[in-house]
C-alpha cells in the first residue's frame, strides 16, 4: 500500500486515556478500518479512443472480455467510436492487431495515460 492517510476523530477531549492509551486507541481504529477496507490494485494504462466499422463491434466486445480491458463508452455515429481503458503492456497488441482475433480498427487515439483497475 502507498499514499495512505488515516484520520481518527475524537469526540471526547479528556486525557483519561493518557498518551499510551491514545496511541493504542488510534492504532486500533486504524487496524479496524484497514481490516474492513476493500483493496483495489491499480496499474498504469491508457484511455484510448478507437474507431471501428459497425461489423466489428462484436469482435471488439469479445476481445475486450478475453483480454481484460474495459469499454467505458460507445457512440454509434458514421463509424463506431469506443473509449477503452487498457493496460500499458497490452496496448501494442491491441492497436497493431497482433491478436489471434482479427480486429478491424480504422484508427485510434491515446487520450491519456492513467491508473486503471487490474
Protein backbone atom coordinates (compact mmCIF):
# COMPACT_ATOMS: atom_id res chain seq x y z
CA UNK A 1 0.00 0.00 0.00
CA UNK A 2 1.11 3.54 -0.60
CA UNK A 3 -0.21 7.06 -0.18
CA UNK A 4 -2.39 6.15 2.80
CA UNK A 5 -3.90 8.74 5.13
CA UNK A 6 -5.83 7.81 8.26
CA UNK A 7 -7.91 10.35 10.16
CA UNK A 8 -9.25 9.45 13.61
CA UNK A 9 -11.71 11.89 15.15
CA UNK A 10 -12.07 12.15 18.92
CA UNK A 11 -15.33 13.47 20.32
CA UNK A 12 -14.14 13.47 23.92
CA UNK A 13 -11.29 15.85 24.69
CA UNK A 14 -10.26 14.45 28.04
CA UNK A 15 -6.91 12.98 28.99
CA UNK A 16 -8.22 9.91 30.79
CA UNK A 17 -6.54 7.51 28.36
CA UNK A 18 -3.12 9.11 28.66
CA UNK A 19 -0.60 9.27 25.84
CA UNK A 20 -0.17 5.49 25.55
CA UNK A 21 -3.92 4.90 25.66
CA UNK A 22 -4.49 7.41 22.85
CA UNK A 23 -1.87 5.73 20.67
CA UNK A 24 -3.49 2.32 21.27
CA UNK A 25 -6.97 3.70 20.56
CA UNK A 26 -5.84 5.37 17.31
CA UNK A 27 -3.90 2.28 16.26
CA UNK A 28 -6.90 0.04 16.91
CA UNK A 29 -9.19 2.34 14.92
CA UNK A 30 -6.72 2.30 12.04
CA UNK A 31 -6.38 -1.50 12.08
CA UNK A 32 -10.17 -1.98 12.11
CA UNK A 33 -10.53 0.41 9.16
CA UNK A 34 -7.87 -1.48 7.19
CA UNK A 35 -9.43 -4.86 8.01
CA UNK A 36 -12.76 -3.65 6.57
CA UNK A 37 -11.26 -1.83 3.58
CA UNK A 38 -11.61 -3.03 0.01
CA UNK A 39 -8.24 -3.00 -1.74
CA UNK A 40 -8.04 -2.24 -5.45
CA UNK A 41 -4.87 -2.88 -7.39
CA UNK A 42 -4.09 -0.23 -10.00
CA UNK A 43 -1.70 -0.43 -12.93
CA UNK A 44 -0.53 2.12 -15.46
CA UNK A 45 -2.62 2.09 -18.60
CA UNK A 46 -4.22 4.27 -21.20
CA UNK A 47 -7.58 5.71 -22.05
CA UNK A 48 -7.85 5.15 -25.81
CA UNK A 49 -10.46 6.15 -28.38
CA UNK A 50 -10.83 3.75 -31.28
CA UNK A 51 -12.88 3.97 -34.44
CA UNK A 52 -14.31 0.81 -35.99
CA UNK A 53 -16.91 -0.12 -38.57
CA UNK A 54 -20.27 -1.46 -37.45
CA UNK A 55 -19.48 -5.05 -38.42
CA UNK A 56 -16.54 -5.12 -35.96
CA UNK A 57 -18.37 -4.29 -32.74
CA UNK A 58 -18.92 -7.87 -31.57
CA UNK A 59 -15.28 -8.77 -32.23
CA UNK A 60 -14.13 -5.81 -30.12
CA UNK A 61 -16.52 -6.72 -27.29
CA UNK A 62 -15.34 -10.33 -27.37
CA UNK A 63 -11.68 -9.29 -27.44
CA UNK A 64 -12.31 -6.92 -24.51
CA UNK A 65 -13.81 -9.70 -22.40
CA UNK A 66 -10.93 -12.09 -23.20
CA UNK A 67 -8.15 -9.51 -22.81
CA UNK A 68 -9.38 -7.86 -19.60
CA UNK A 69 -9.72 -4.33 -20.82
CA UNK A 70 -12.69 -2.14 -20.12
CA UNK A 71 -15.00 -0.49 -22.62
CA UNK A 72 -16.16 2.73 -20.95
CA UNK A 73 -18.19 4.35 -23.74
CA UNK A 74 -19.61 3.52 -27.17
CA UNK A 75 -21.02 6.07 -29.61
CA UNK A 76 -22.78 4.95 -32.77
CA UNK A 77 -22.01 7.57 -35.39
CA UNK A 78 -20.84 7.24 -39.02
CA UNK A 79 -18.36 4.75 -37.57
CA UNK A 80 -18.47 3.42 -34.03
CA UNK A 81 -16.32 5.37 -31.57
CA UNK A 82 -15.30 3.41 -28.49
CA UNK A 83 -13.43 4.57 -25.40
CA UNK A 84 -11.43 1.81 -23.72
CA UNK A 85 -9.12 1.56 -20.73
CA UNK A 86 -6.27 -0.81 -21.47
CA UNK A 87 -3.07 -1.82 -19.67
CA UNK A 88 0.13 -0.30 -20.98
CA UNK A 89 1.61 -3.72 -21.82
CA UNK A 90 -1.44 -4.73 -23.92
CA UNK A 91 -1.78 -1.55 -25.97
CA UNK A 92 0.60 -2.55 -28.78
CA UNK A 93 -1.01 -5.95 -29.29
CA UNK A 94 -4.41 -4.30 -29.42
CA UNK A 95 -3.60 -1.38 -31.73
CA UNK A 96 -1.21 -3.30 -34.02
CA UNK A 97 -3.75 -6.08 -34.37
CA UNK A 98 -1.29 -8.72 -33.14
CA UNK A 99 -4.06 -10.71 -31.50
CA UNK A 100 -5.40 -14.06 -32.61
CA UNK A 101 -8.74 -12.36 -33.22
CA UNK A 102 -8.63 -10.18 -36.37
CA UNK A 103 -9.68 -6.68 -35.31
CA UNK A 104 -10.60 -4.03 -37.86
CA UNK A 105 -9.55 -0.83 -36.10
CA UNK A 106 -9.81 2.11 -38.51
CA UNK A 107 -7.77 4.41 -36.28
CA UNK A 108 -7.07 5.11 -32.63
CA UNK A 109 -6.02 8.00 -30.43
CA UNK A 110 -4.43 7.76 -26.97
CA UNK A 111 -6.40 10.23 -24.85
CA UNK A 112 -4.43 9.96 -21.62
CA UNK A 113 -2.17 7.81 -19.50
CA UNK A 114 -3.88 6.85 -16.26
CA UNK A 115 -4.08 4.31 -13.48
CA UNK A 116 -6.63 1.61 -14.24
CA UNK A 117 -8.00 -1.33 -12.27
CA UNK A 118 -6.08 -4.55 -12.77
